[in-house]
């Protein structure tokens, strides 16, 4: 993983989290620990991102996963990802961060 860029890792983790989330909707309970780990790792990578467009693109899929009723066990970690995006956007581009959240 160290040879990958932060942007590639964050994109890959988001894709993995979305895939695991979809599988969880189809009653694959063993994915809970993988979803939690992907969420925690994604949060760490979000904090290191400096790509505004990628951060803004991540808001909607993560927000959708946060709002999903079946995500009770991972909701907190997914919420932390949203908070990290908001924090990172506010640091990188304070005037643009309001538009990304809408």
C-alpha atoms as a PDB file:
ATOM      1  CA  UNK A   1       0.000   0.000   0.000  1.00  0.00           C
ATOM      2  CA  UNK A   2       2.885   2.398   0.517  1.00  0.00           C
ATOM      3  CA  UNK A   3       3.654   2.473  -3.209  1.00  0.00           C
ATOM      4  CA  UNK A   4       0.142   3.742  -3.953  1.00  0.00           C
ATOM      5  CA  UNK A   5      -0.693   7.416  -3.870  1.00  0.00           C
ATOM      6  CA  UNK A   6      -3.029   8.691  -1.173  1.00  0.00           C
ATOM      7  CA  UNK A   7      -5.604   9.463  -3.849  1.00  0.00           C
ATOM      8  CA  UNK A   8      -5.462   5.912  -5.220  1.00  0.00           C
ATOM      9  CA  UNK A   9      -5.744   4.414  -1.732  1.00  0.00           C
ATOM     10  CA  UNK A  10      -8.695   6.648  -0.824  1.00  0.00           C
ATOM     11  CA  UNK A  11     -10.486   5.876  -4.090  1.00  0.00           C
ATOM     12  CA  UNK A  12      -9.830   2.166  -3.693  1.00  0.00           C
ATOM     13  CA  UNK A  13     -11.021   2.127  -0.099  1.00  0.00           C
ATOM     14  CA  UNK A  14     -14.173   4.021  -1.012  1.00  0.00           C
ATOM     15  CA  UNK A  15     -14.869   1.538  -3.817  1.00  0.00           C
ATOM     16  CA  UNK A  16     -14.266  -1.370  -1.450  1.00  0.00           C
ATOM     17  CA  UNK A  17     -16.517   0.158   1.191  1.00  0.00           C
ATOM     18  CA  UNK A  18     -19.284   0.712  -1.350  1.00  0.00           C
ATOM     19  CA  UNK A  19     -18.964  -2.888  -2.566  1.00  0.00           C
ATOM     20  CA  UNK A  20     -18.991  -4.289   0.977  1.00  0.00           C
ATOM     21  CA  UNK A  21     -21.946  -2.083   1.810  1.00  0.00           C
ATOM     22  CA  UNK A  22     -23.871  -3.422  -1.156  1.00  0.00           C
ATOM     23  CA  UNK A  23     -23.024  -7.003  -0.175  1.00  0.00           C
ATOM     24  CA  UNK A  24     -24.152  -6.277   3.379  1.00  0.00           C
ATOM     25  CA  UNK A  25     -27.540  -5.216   2.033  1.00  0.00           C
ATOM     26  CA  UNK A  26     -27.718  -8.687   0.507  1.00  0.00           C
ATOM     27  CA  UNK A  27     -27.299 -10.271   3.969  1.00  0.00           C
ATOM     28  CA  UNK A  28     -23.564 -11.031   3.994  1.00  0.00           C
ATOM     29  CA  UNK A  29     -22.941 -10.514   7.727  1.00  0.00           C
ATOM     30  CA  UNK A  30     -19.272 -11.543   7.722  1.00  0.00           C
ATOM     31  CA  UNK A  31     -18.439  -8.279   5.959  1.00  0.00           C
ATOM     32  CA  UNK A  32     -19.059  -6.155   9.064  1.00  0.00           C
ATOM     33  CA  UNK A  33     -15.453  -6.256  10.282  1.00  0.00           C
ATOM     34  CA  UNK A  34     -14.153  -5.585   6.767  1.00  0.00           C
ATOM     35  CA  UNK A  35     -16.532  -2.625   6.422  1.00  0.00           C
ATOM     36  CA  UNK A  36     -15.351  -1.214   9.729  1.00  0.00           C
ATOM     37  CA  UNK A  37     -11.684  -1.609   8.769  1.00  0.00           C
ATOM     38  CA  UNK A  38     -12.248  -0.043   5.353  1.00  0.00           C
ATOM     39  CA  UNK A  39     -14.030   2.901   7.021  1.00  0.00           C
ATOM     40  CA  UNK A  40     -11.213   3.460   9.512  1.00  0.00           C
ATOM     41  CA  UNK A  41      -8.542   3.280   6.806  1.00  0.00           C
ATOM     42  CA  UNK A  42     -10.555   5.558   4.543  1.00  0.00           C
ATOM     43  CA  UNK A  43     -10.797   8.152   7.292  1.00  0.00           C
ATOM     44  CA  UNK A  44      -7.024   8.117   7.732  1.00  0.00           C
ATOM     45  CA  UNK A  45      -6.501   8.604   4.010  1.00  0.00           C
ATOM     46  CA  UNK A  46      -9.090  11.377   3.777  1.00  0.00           C
ATOM     47  CA  UNK A  47      -7.084  13.351   6.337  1.00  0.00           C
ATOM     48  CA  UNK A  48      -4.042  13.103   4.066  1.00  0.00           C
ATOM     49  CA  UNK A  49      -5.838  14.053   0.830  1.00  0.00           C
ATOM     50  CA  UNK A  50      -5.214  17.380  -0.820  1.00  0.00           C
ATOM     51  CA  UNK A  51      -7.359  16.783  -3.905  1.00  0.00           C
ATOM     52  CA  UNK A  52     -10.444  18.990  -3.550  1.00  0.00           C
ATOM     53  CA  UNK A  53     -12.356  17.427  -6.425  1.00  0.00           C
ATOM     54  CA  UNK A  54     -11.868  13.898  -5.066  1.00  0.00           C
ATOM     55  CA  UNK A  55     -12.968  14.995  -1.600  1.00  0.00           C
ATOM     56  CA  UNK A  56     -16.098  16.585  -3.035  1.00  0.00           C
ATOM     57  CA  UNK A  57     -16.852  13.444  -5.085  1.00  0.00           C
ATOM     58  CA  UNK A  58     -16.625  11.314  -1.938  1.00  0.00           C
ATOM     59  CA  UNK A  59     -19.279  13.260  -0.031  1.00  0.00           C
ATOM     60  CA  UNK A  60     -22.383  11.828  -1.714  1.00  0.00           C
ATOM     61  CA  UNK A  61     -21.480   8.107  -1.639  1.00  0.00           C
ATOM     62  CA  UNK A  62     -20.350   8.310   1.978  1.00  0.00           C
ATOM     63  CA  UNK A  63     -23.423  10.298   2.961  1.00  0.00           C
ATOM     64  CA  UNK A  64     -25.630   7.675   1.282  1.00  0.00           C
ATOM     65  CA  UNK A  65     -23.931   4.909   3.243  1.00  0.00           C
ATOM     66  CA  UNK A  66     -24.288   6.913   6.449  1.00  0.00           C
ATOM     67  CA  UNK A  67     -28.026   7.370   5.847  1.00  0.00           C
ATOM     68  CA  UNK A  68     -28.634   3.703   4.988  1.00  0.00           C
ATOM     69  CA  UNK A  69     -30.755   2.002   7.666  1.00  0.00           C
ATOM     70  CA  UNK A  70     -28.777  -1.261   7.552  1.00  0.00           C
ATOM     71  CA  UNK A  71     -25.488   0.404   8.535  1.00  0.00           C
ATOM     72  CA  UNK A  72     -25.999   0.464  12.301  1.00  0.00           C
ATOM     73  CA  UNK A  73     -22.729  -1.275  13.129  1.00  0.00           C
ATOM     74  CA  UNK A  74     -20.535   0.874  10.872  1.00  0.00           C
ATOM     75  CA  UNK A  75     -22.482   4.119  11.041  1.00  0.00           C
ATOM     76  CA  UNK A  76     -20.088   5.759  13.515  1.00  0.00           C
ATOM     77  CA  UNK A  77     -17.001   5.011  11.418  1.00  0.00           C
ATOM     78  CA  UNK A  78     -18.730   6.223   8.259  1.00  0.00           C
ATOM     79  CA  UNK A  79     -19.772   9.366  10.130  1.00  0.00           C
ATOM     80  CA  UNK A  80     -16.142   9.910  11.098  1.00  0.00           C
ATOM     81  CA  UNK A  81     -15.271   9.780   7.388  1.00  0.00           C
ATOM     82  CA  UNK A  82     -17.851  12.507   6.708  1.00  0.00           C
ATOM     83  CA  UNK A  83     -16.478  14.617   9.552  1.00  0.00           C
ATOM     84  CA  UNK A  84     -12.945  14.186   8.227  1.00  0.00           C
ATOM     85  CA  UNK A  85     -14.041  15.285   4.753  1.00  0.00           C
ATOM     86  CA  UNK A  86     -15.687  18.394   6.204  1.00  0.00           C
ATOM     87  CA  UNK A  87     -12.610  19.178   8.257  1.00  0.00           C
ATOM     88  CA  UNK A  88     -10.203  18.639   5.377  1.00  0.00           C
ATOM     89  CA  UNK A  89     -12.311  20.689   2.973  1.00  0.00           C
ATOM     90  CA  UNK A  90     -12.541  23.547   5.455  1.00  0.00           C
ATOM     91  CA  UNK A  91      -8.760  23.587   5.807  1.00  0.00           C
ATOM     92  CA  UNK A  92      -7.953  23.293   2.099  1.00  0.00           C
ATOM     93  CA  UNK A  93     -10.589  25.643   0.719  1.00  0.00           C
ATOM     94  CA  UNK A  94     -12.733  27.365   3.348  1.00  0.00           C
ATOM     95  CA  UNK A  95     -14.935  29.138   0.809  1.00  0.00           C
ATOM     96  CA  UNK A  96     -15.494  25.979  -1.287  1.00  0.00           C
ATOM     97  CA  UNK A  97     -16.355  23.629   1.564  1.00  0.00           C
ATOM     98  CA  UNK A  98     -19.902  24.983   1.965  1.00  0.00           C
ATOM     99  CA  UNK A  99     -20.713  24.113  -1.654  1.00  0.00           C
ATOM    100  CA  UNK A 100     -19.412  20.541  -1.307  1.00  0.00           C
ATOM    101  CA  UNK A 101     -21.695  19.747   1.606  1.00  0.00           C
ATOM    102  CA  UNK A 102     -24.878  20.934  -0.130  1.00  0.00           C
END
